[in-house]
PDB file of N, CA and C in Angstrom:
ATOM      1  N   MET A   1     101.970 133.117 102.090  1.00  0.00           N
ATOM      2  CA  MET A   1     101.708 132.737 103.457  1.00  0.00           C
ATOM      3  C   MET A   1     101.259 131.275 103.527  1.00  0.00           C
ATOM      4  N   LEU A   2     100.497 130.833 102.532  1.00  0.00           N
ATOM      5  CA  LEU A   2     100.021 129.449 102.545  1.00  0.00           C
ATOM      6  C   LEU A   2     101.168 128.453 102.491  1.00  0.00           C
ATOM      7  N   ALA A   3     102.239 128.811 101.825  1.00  0.00           N
ATOM      8  CA  ALA A   3     103.360 127.883 101.683  1.00  0.00           C
ATOM      9  C   ALA A   3     104.068 127.649 103.010  1.00  0.00           C
ATOM     10  N   PHE A   4     103.947 128.575 103.950  1.00  0.00           N
ATOM     11  CA  PHE A   4     104.637 128.452 105.219  1.00  0.00           C
ATOM     12  C   PHE A   4     103.810 127.754 106.286  1.00  0.00           C
ATOM     13  N   VAL A   5     102.520 127.532 106.033  1.00  0.00           N
ATOM     14  CA  VAL A   5     101.669 126.860 107.007  1.00  0.00           C
ATOM     15  C   VAL A   5     102.139 125.429 107.221  1.00  0.00           C
ATOM     16  N   ASN A   6     102.270 124.687 106.154  1.00  0.00           N
ATOM     17  CA  ASN A   6     102.752 123.306 106.213  1.00  0.00           C
ATOM     18  C   ASN A   6     103.483 123.042 104.902  1.00  0.00           C
ATOM     19  N   LEU A   7     104.791 123.050 104.953  1.00  0.00           N
ATOM     20  CA  LEU A   7     105.573 122.971 103.724  1.00  0.00           C
ATOM     21  C   LEU A   7     105.319 121.703 102.939  1.00  0.00           C
ATOM     22  N   ARG A   8     105.027 120.594 103.603  1.00  0.00           N
ATOM     23  CA  ARG A   8     104.768 119.347 102.895  1.00  0.00           C
ATOM     24  C   ARG A   8     103.292 119.181 102.557  1.00  0.00           C
ATOM     25  N   GLY A   9     102.409 119.946 103.184  1.00  0.00           N
ATOM     26  CA  GLY A   9     100.974 119.754 103.022  1.00  0.00           C
ATOM     27  C   GLY A   9     100.384 120.426 101.802  1.00  0.00           C
ATOM     28  N   LEU A  10     100.938 121.530 101.389  1.00  0.00           N
ATOM     29  CA  LEU A  10     100.401 122.245 100.240  1.00  0.00           C
ATOM     30  C   LEU A  10     101.354 122.137  99.073  1.00  0.00           C
ATOM     31  N   GLY A  11     100.791 121.891  97.901  1.00  0.00           N
ATOM     32  CA  GLY A  11     101.611 121.895  96.708  1.00  0.00           C
ATOM     33  C   GLY A  11     101.770 123.312  96.196  1.00  0.00           C
ATOM     34  N   LEU A  12     102.710 123.515  95.308  1.00  0.00           N
ATOM     35  CA  LEU A  12     102.939 124.848  94.775  1.00  0.00           C
ATOM     36  C   LEU A  12     101.747 125.317  93.942  1.00  0.00           C
ATOM     37  N   GLY A  13     101.008 124.388  93.373  1.00  0.00           N
ATOM     38  CA  GLY A  13      99.810 124.773  92.625  1.00  0.00           C
ATOM     39  C   GLY A  13      98.756 125.407  93.523  1.00  0.00           C
ATOM     40  N   ASP A  14      98.615 124.901  94.746  1.00  0.00           N
ATOM     41  CA  ASP A  14      97.671 125.487  95.696  1.00  0.00           C
ATOM     42  C   ASP A  14      98.085 126.912  96.060  1.00  0.00           C
ATOM     43  N   VAL A  15      99.372 127.123  96.242  1.00  0.00           N
ATOM     44  CA  VAL A  15      99.875 128.453  96.586  1.00  0.00           C
ATOM     45  C   VAL A  15      99.647 129.421  95.428  1.00  0.00           C
ATOM     46  N   LYS A  16      99.921 128.965  94.210  1.00  0.00           N
ATOM     47  CA  LYS A  16      99.708 129.813  93.038  1.00  0.00           C
ATOM     48  C   LYS A  16      98.227 130.145  92.862  1.00  0.00           C
ATOM     49  N   LEU A  17      97.367 129.145  93.052  1.00  0.00           N
ATOM     50  CA  LEU A  17      95.928 129.377  92.940  1.00  0.00           C
ATOM     51  C   LEU A  17      95.454 130.345  94.013  1.00  0.00           C
ATOM     52  N   GLY A  18      95.943 130.183  95.238  1.00  0.00           N
ATOM     53  CA  GLY A  18      95.577 131.096  96.324  1.00  0.00           C
ATOM     54  C   GLY A  18      96.020 132.521  96.031  1.00  0.00           C
ATOM     55  N   ALA A  19      97.220 132.686  95.489  1.00  0.00           N
ATOM     56  CA  ALA A  19      97.712 134.019  95.137  1.00  0.00           C
ATOM     57  C   ALA A  19      96.866 134.639  94.025  1.00  0.00           C
ATOM     58  N   LEU A  20      96.528 133.838  93.028  1.00  0.00           N
ATOM     59  CA  LEU A  20      95.701 134.331  91.928  1.00  0.00           C
ATOM     60  C   LEU A  20      94.318 134.757  92.428  1.00  0.00           C
ATOM     61  N   LEU A  21      93.733 133.941  93.282  1.00  0.00           N
ATOM     62  CA  LEU A  21      92.421 134.293  93.829  1.00  0.00           C
ATOM     63  C   LEU A  21      92.510 135.536  94.705  1.00  0.00           C
ATOM     64  N   GLY A  22      93.598 135.672  95.451  1.00  0.00           N
ATOM     65  CA  GLY A  22      93.778 136.859  96.285  1.00  0.00           C
ATOM     66  C   GLY A  22      93.883 138.128  95.464  1.00  0.00           C
ATOM     67  N   VAL A  23      94.628 138.065  94.364  1.00  0.00           N
ATOM     68  CA  VAL A  23      94.767 139.229  93.493  1.00  0.00           C
ATOM     69  C   VAL A  23      93.436 139.539  92.808  1.00  0.00           C
ATOM     70  N   THR A  24      92.728 138.504  92.407  1.00  0.00           N
ATOM     71  CA  THR A  24      91.476 138.683  91.677  1.00  0.00           C
ATOM     72  C   THR A  24      90.356 139.187  92.579  1.00  0.00           C
ATOM     73  N   LEU A  25      90.234 138.607  93.767  1.00  0.00           N
ATOM     74  CA  LEU A  25      89.113 138.938  94.645  1.00  0.00           C
ATOM     75  C   LEU A  25      89.342 140.185  95.482  1.00  0.00           C
ATOM     76  N   GLY A  26      90.568 140.523  95.753  1.00  0.00           N
ATOM     77  CA  GLY A  26      90.857 141.624  96.663  1.00  0.00           C
ATOM     78  C   GLY A  26      91.040 141.097  98.079  1.00  0.00           C
ATOM     79  N   TRP A  27      91.608 141.937  98.938  1.00  0.00           N
ATOM     80  CA  TRP A  27      92.004 141.507 100.270  1.00  0.00           C
ATOM     81  C   TRP A  27      90.865 140.962 101.127  1.00  0.00           C
ATOM     82  N   PRO A  28      89.760 141.684 101.352  1.00  0.00           N
ATOM     83  CA  PRO A  28      88.719 141.162 102.267  1.00  0.00           C
ATOM     84  C   PRO A  28      88.068 139.871 101.761  1.00  0.00           C
ATOM     85  N   ALA A  29      87.759 139.814 100.480  1.00  0.00           N
ATOM     86  CA  ALA A  29      87.117 138.618  99.933  1.00  0.00           C
ATOM     87  C   ALA A  29      88.092 137.440  99.902  1.00  0.00           C
ATOM     88  N   ALA A  30      89.372 137.720  99.685  1.00  0.00           N
ATOM     89  CA  ALA A  30      90.361 136.640  99.657  1.00  0.00           C
ATOM     90  C   ALA A  30      90.513 136.009 101.028  1.00  0.00           C
ATOM     91  N   VAL A  31      90.514 136.818 102.073  1.00  0.00           N
ATOM     92  CA  VAL A  31      90.618 136.276 103.434  1.00  0.00           C
ATOM     93  C   VAL A  31      89.379 135.446 103.761  1.00  0.00           C
ATOM     94  N   GLY A  32      88.195 135.959 103.422  1.00  0.00           N
ATOM     95  CA  GLY A  32      86.962 135.202 103.646  1.00  0.00           C
ATOM     96  C   GLY A  32      86.931 133.918 102.845  1.00  0.00           C
ATOM     97  N   GLY A  33      87.380 133.976 101.600  1.00  0.00           N
ATOM     98  CA  GLY A  33      87.424 132.783 100.767  1.00  0.00           C
ATOM     99  C   GLY A  33      88.411 131.756 101.279  1.00  0.00           C
ATOM    100  N   LEU A  34      89.546 132.224 101.800  1.00  0.00           N
ATOM    101  CA  LEU A  34      90.536 131.307 102.346  1.00  0.00           C
ATOM    102  C   LEU A  34      90.019 130.626 103.607  1.00  0.00           C
ATOM    103  N   LEU A  35      89.380 131.399 104.471  1.00  0.00           N
ATOM    104  CA  LEU A  35      88.796 130.803 105.679  1.00  0.00           C
ATOM    105  C   LEU A  35      87.704 129.797 105.324  1.00  0.00           C
ATOM    106  N   ALA A  36      86.876 130.151 104.345  1.00  0.00           N
ATOM    107  CA  ALA A  36      85.825 129.235 103.904  1.00  0.00           C
ATOM    108  C   ALA A  36      86.434 127.966 103.307  1.00  0.00           C
ATOM    109  N   ALA A  37      87.548 128.105 102.592  1.00  0.00           N
ATOM    110  CA  ALA A  37      88.206 126.941 101.996  1.00  0.00           C
ATOM    111  C   ALA A  37      88.724 125.996 103.064  1.00  0.00           C
ATOM    112  N   PHE A  38      89.327 126.540 104.122  1.00  0.00           N
ATOM    113  CA  PHE A  38      89.814 125.682 105.200  1.00  0.00           C
ATOM    114  C   PHE A  38      88.658 124.980 105.903  1.00  0.00           C
ATOM    115  N   VAL A  39      87.554 125.695 106.129  1.00  0.00           N
ATOM    116  CA  VAL A  39      86.399 125.077 106.785  1.00  0.00           C
ATOM    117  C   VAL A  39      85.790 124.000 105.890  1.00  0.00           C
ATOM    118  N   LEU A  40      85.600 124.312 104.615  1.00  0.00           N
ATOM    119  CA  LEU A  40      85.025 123.338 103.684  1.00  0.00           C
ATOM    120  C   LEU A  40      85.900 122.098 103.568  1.00  0.00           C
ATOM    121  N   ASN A  41      87.211 122.295 103.466  1.00  0.00           N
ATOM    122  CA  ASN A  41      88.101 121.148 103.345  1.00  0.00           C
ATOM    123  C   ASN A  41      88.111 120.339 104.649  1.00  0.00           C
ATOM    124  N   GLY A  42      88.000 121.016 105.777  1.00  0.00           N
ATOM    125  CA  GLY A  42      87.917 120.301 107.056  1.00  0.00           C
ATOM    126  C   GLY A  42      86.683 119.436 107.141  1.00  0.00           C
ATOM    127  N   VAL A  43      85.558 119.959 106.670  1.00  0.00           N
ATOM    128  CA  VAL A  43      84.315 119.186 106.669  1.00  0.00           C
ATOM    129  C   VAL A  43      84.446 117.977 105.746  1.00  0.00           C
ATOM    130  N   VAL A  44      85.043 118.186 104.579  1.00  0.00           N
ATOM    131  CA  VAL A  44      85.241 117.077 103.635  1.00  0.00           C
ATOM    132  C   VAL A  44      86.133 116.004 104.248  1.00  0.00           C
ATOM    133  N   ILE A  45      87.193 116.408 104.922  1.00  0.00           N
ATOM    134  CA  ILE A  45      88.106 115.439 105.534  1.00  0.00           C
ATOM    135  C   ILE A  45      87.409 114.655 106.633  1.00  0.00           C
ATOM    136  N   VAL A  46      86.625 115.331 107.468  1.00  0.00           N
ATOM    137  CA  VAL A  46      85.897 114.633 108.538  1.00  0.00           C
ATOM    138  C   VAL A  46      84.930 113.610 107.946  1.00  0.00           C
ATOM    139  N   ILE A  47      84.214 114.003 106.895  1.00  0.00           N
ATOM    140  CA  ILE A  47      83.274 113.086 106.253  1.00  0.00           C
ATOM    141  C   ILE A  47      84.010 111.902 105.630  1.00  0.00           C
ATOM    142  N   MET A  48      85.142 112.182 104.975  1.00  0.00           N
ATOM    143  CA  MET A  48      85.891 111.098 104.335  1.00  0.00           C
ATOM    144  C   MET A  48      86.495 110.137 105.356  1.00  0.00           C
ATOM    145  N   VAL A  49      86.958 110.647 106.481  1.00  0.00           N
ATOM    146  CA  VAL A  49      87.501 109.781 107.523  1.00  0.00           C
ATOM    147  C   VAL A  49      86.380 108.958 108.153  1.00  0.00           C
ATOM    148  N   ALA A  50      85.219 109.598 108.393  1.00  0.00           N
ATOM    149  CA  ALA A  50      84.092 108.876 108.982  1.00  0.00           C
ATOM    150  C   ALA A  50      83.583 107.782 108.045  1.00  0.00           C
ATOM    151  N   ALA A  51      83.634 108.031 106.747  1.00  0.00           N
ATOM    152  CA  ALA A  51      83.189 107.034 105.770  1.00  0.00           C
ATOM    153  C   ALA A  51      84.293 106.042 105.415  1.00  0.00           C
ATOM    154  N   ARG A  52      85.434 106.185 106.058  1.00  0.00           N
ATOM    155  CA  ARG A  52      86.600 105.316 105.840  1.00  0.00           C
ATOM    156  C   ARG A  52      87.081 105.346 104.391  1.00  0.00           C
ATOM    157  N   ARG A  53      86.968 106.510 103.755  1.00  0.00           N
ATOM    158  CA  ARG A  53      87.482 106.680 102.394  1.00  0.00           C
ATOM    159  C   ARG A  53      88.951 107.089 102.411  1.00  0.00           C
ATOM    160  N   THR A  54      89.424 107.592 103.548  1.00  0.00           N
ATOM    161  CA  THR A  54      90.822 107.957 103.728  1.00  0.00           C
ATOM    162  C   THR A  54      91.151 107.871 105.203  1.00  0.00           C
ATOM    163  N   ASP A  55      92.426 107.876 105.524  1.00  0.00           N
ATOM    164  CA  ASP A  55      92.820 107.913 106.925  1.00  0.00           C
ATOM    165  C   ASP A  55      93.164 109.358 107.285  1.00  0.00           C
ATOM    166  N   PRO A  56      93.245 109.679 108.580  1.00  0.00           N
ATOM    167  CA  PRO A  56      93.512 111.061 108.972  1.00  0.00           C
ATOM    168  C   PRO A  56      94.824 111.627 108.426  1.00  0.00           C
ATOM    169  N   ALA A  57      95.784 110.781 108.128  1.00  0.00           N
ATOM    170  CA  ALA A  57      97.056 111.249 107.577  1.00  0.00           C
ATOM    171  C   ALA A  57      97.047 111.242 106.049  1.00  0.00           C
ATOM    172  N   GLY A  58      95.928 110.908 105.436  1.00  0.00           N
ATOM    173  CA  GLY A  58      95.841 110.842 103.980  1.00  0.00           C
ATOM    174  C   GLY A  58      95.873 112.219 103.347  1.00  0.00           C
ATOM    175  N   GLU A  59      96.068 112.216 102.048  1.00  0.00           N
ATOM    176  CA  GLU A  59      96.129 113.464 101.302  1.00  0.00           C
ATOM    177  C   GLU A  59      94.770 113.782 100.681  1.00  0.00           C
ATOM    178  N   VAL A  60      94.358 115.030 100.840  1.00  0.00           N
ATOM    179  CA  VAL A  60      93.117 115.515 100.238  1.00  0.00           C
ATOM    180  C   VAL A  60      93.474 116.791  99.472  1.00  0.00           C
ATOM    181  N   PRO A  61      93.108 116.892  98.198  1.00  0.00           N
ATOM    182  CA  PRO A  61      93.453 118.090  97.433  1.00  0.00           C
ATOM    183  C   PRO A  61      92.799 119.340  98.019  1.00  0.00           C
ATOM    184  N   PHE A  62      93.547 120.447  97.993  1.00  0.00           N
ATOM    185  CA  PHE A  62      93.054 121.704  98.558  1.00  0.00           C
ATOM    186  C   PHE A  62      92.538 122.653  97.483  1.00  0.00           C
ATOM    187  N   GLY A  63      92.916 122.430  96.225  1.00  0.00           N
ATOM    188  CA  GLY A  63      92.499 123.311  95.136  1.00  0.00           C
ATOM    189  C   GLY A  63      90.991 123.438  94.981  1.00  0.00           C
ATOM    190  N   PRO A  64      90.241 122.324  94.982  1.00  0.00           N
ATOM    191  CA  PRO A  64      88.791 122.454  94.869  1.00  0.00           C
ATOM    192  C   PRO A  64      88.170 123.240  96.024  1.00  0.00           C
ATOM    193  N   ALA A  65      88.721 123.091  97.218  1.00  0.00           N
ATOM    194  CA  ALA A  65      88.214 123.861  98.353  1.00  0.00           C
ATOM    195  C   ALA A  65      88.525 125.344  98.175  1.00  0.00           C
ATOM    196  N   LEU A  66      89.691 125.668  97.614  1.00  0.00           N
ATOM    197  CA  LEU A  66      90.022 127.071  97.345  1.00  0.00           C
ATOM    198  C   LEU A  66      89.037 127.688  96.353  1.00  0.00           C
ATOM    199  N   VAL A  67      88.721 126.950  95.312  1.00  0.00           N
ATOM    200  CA  VAL A  67      87.776 127.460  94.309  1.00  0.00           C
ATOM    201  C   VAL A  67      86.384 127.611  94.922  1.00  0.00           C
ATOM    202  N   ALA A  68      85.942 126.625  95.712  1.00  0.00           N
ATOM    203  CA  ALA A  68      84.629 126.713  96.354  1.00  0.00           C
ATOM    204  C   ALA A  68      84.588 127.867  97.351  1.00  0.00           C
ATOM    205  N   GLY A  69      85.654 128.062  98.109  1.00  0.00           N
ATOM    206  CA  GLY A  69      85.714 129.180  99.051  1.00  0.00           C
ATOM    207  C   GLY A  69      85.685 130.517  98.336  1.00  0.00           C
ATOM    208  N   ALA A  70      86.388 130.619  97.216  1.00  0.00           N
ATOM    209  CA  ALA A  70      86.370 131.841  96.435  1.00  0.00           C
ATOM    210  C   ALA A  70      84.983 132.111  95.866  1.00  0.00           C
ATOM    211  N   ALA A  71      84.314 131.067  95.382  1.00  0.00           N
ATOM    212  CA  ALA A  71      82.961 131.231  94.854  1.00  0.00           C
ATOM    213  C   ALA A  71      82.013 131.677  95.964  1.00  0.00           C
ATOM    214  N   LEU A  72      82.154 131.097  97.152  1.00  0.00           N
ATOM    215  CA  LEU A  72      81.328 131.511  98.275  1.00  0.00           C
ATOM    216  C   LEU A  72      81.606 132.957  98.652  1.00  0.00           C
ATOM    217  N   ALA A  73      82.858 133.384  98.616  1.00  0.00           N
ATOM    218  CA  ALA A  73      83.196 134.771  98.928  1.00  0.00           C
ATOM    219  C   ALA A  73      82.594 135.730  97.904  1.00  0.00           C
ATOM    220  N   VAL A  74      82.602 135.335  96.640  1.00  0.00           N
ATOM    221  CA  VAL A  74      82.002 136.179  95.595  1.00  0.00           C
ATOM    222  C   VAL A  74      80.491 136.293  95.808  1.00  0.00           C
ATOM    223  N   VAL A  75      79.844 135.185  96.110  1.00  0.00           N
ATOM    224  CA  VAL A  75      78.389 135.208  96.346  1.00  0.00           C
ATOM    225  C   VAL A  75      78.061 136.089  97.537  1.00  0.00           C
ATOM    226  N   VAL A  76      78.810 135.942  98.627  1.00  0.00           N
ATOM    227  CA  VAL A  76      78.558 136.769  99.819  1.00  0.00           C
ATOM    228  C   VAL A  76      78.789 138.236  99.503  1.00  0.00           C
ATOM    229  N   HIS A  77      79.825 138.522  98.725  1.00  0.00           N
ATOM    230  CA  HIS A  77      80.100 139.910  98.355  1.00  0.00           C
ATOM    231  C   HIS A  77      78.986 140.491  97.492  1.00  0.00           C
ATOM    232  N   LEU A  78      78.459 139.691  96.557  1.00  0.00           N
ATOM    233  CA  LEU A  78      77.380 140.181  95.696  1.00  0.00           C
ATOM    234  C   LEU A  78      76.082 140.374  96.456  1.00  0.00           C
ATOM    235  N   LEU A  79      75.849 139.572  97.482  1.00  0.00           N
ATOM    236  CA  LEU A  79      74.606 139.688  98.248  1.00  0.00           C
ATOM    237  C   LEU A  79      74.655 140.789  99.299  1.00  0.00           C
ATOM    238  N   SER A  80      75.856 141.255  99.637  1.00  0.00           N
ATOM    239  CA  SER A  80      75.939 142.299 100.678  1.00  0.00           C
ATOM    240  C   SER A  80      76.047 143.682 100.093  1.00  0.00           C
TER     241      SER A  80
END
């Protein structure tokens, strides 16, 4: 599904990592982790644009946000 969101925006490595995390975490945690990854990456992009480290059309890697979102989903799952 990630590959169809923006064909030029995501690399195949991001799609593979997302699939691996989805299989590993299970459906509910994978959805939460994916949503957290989009929010985290959005915050990073806003900060980078505000600090003039990149322009709004610049490229920002999504893999680290996927890993951080997955880690956050695991923590939330363990605490609940």
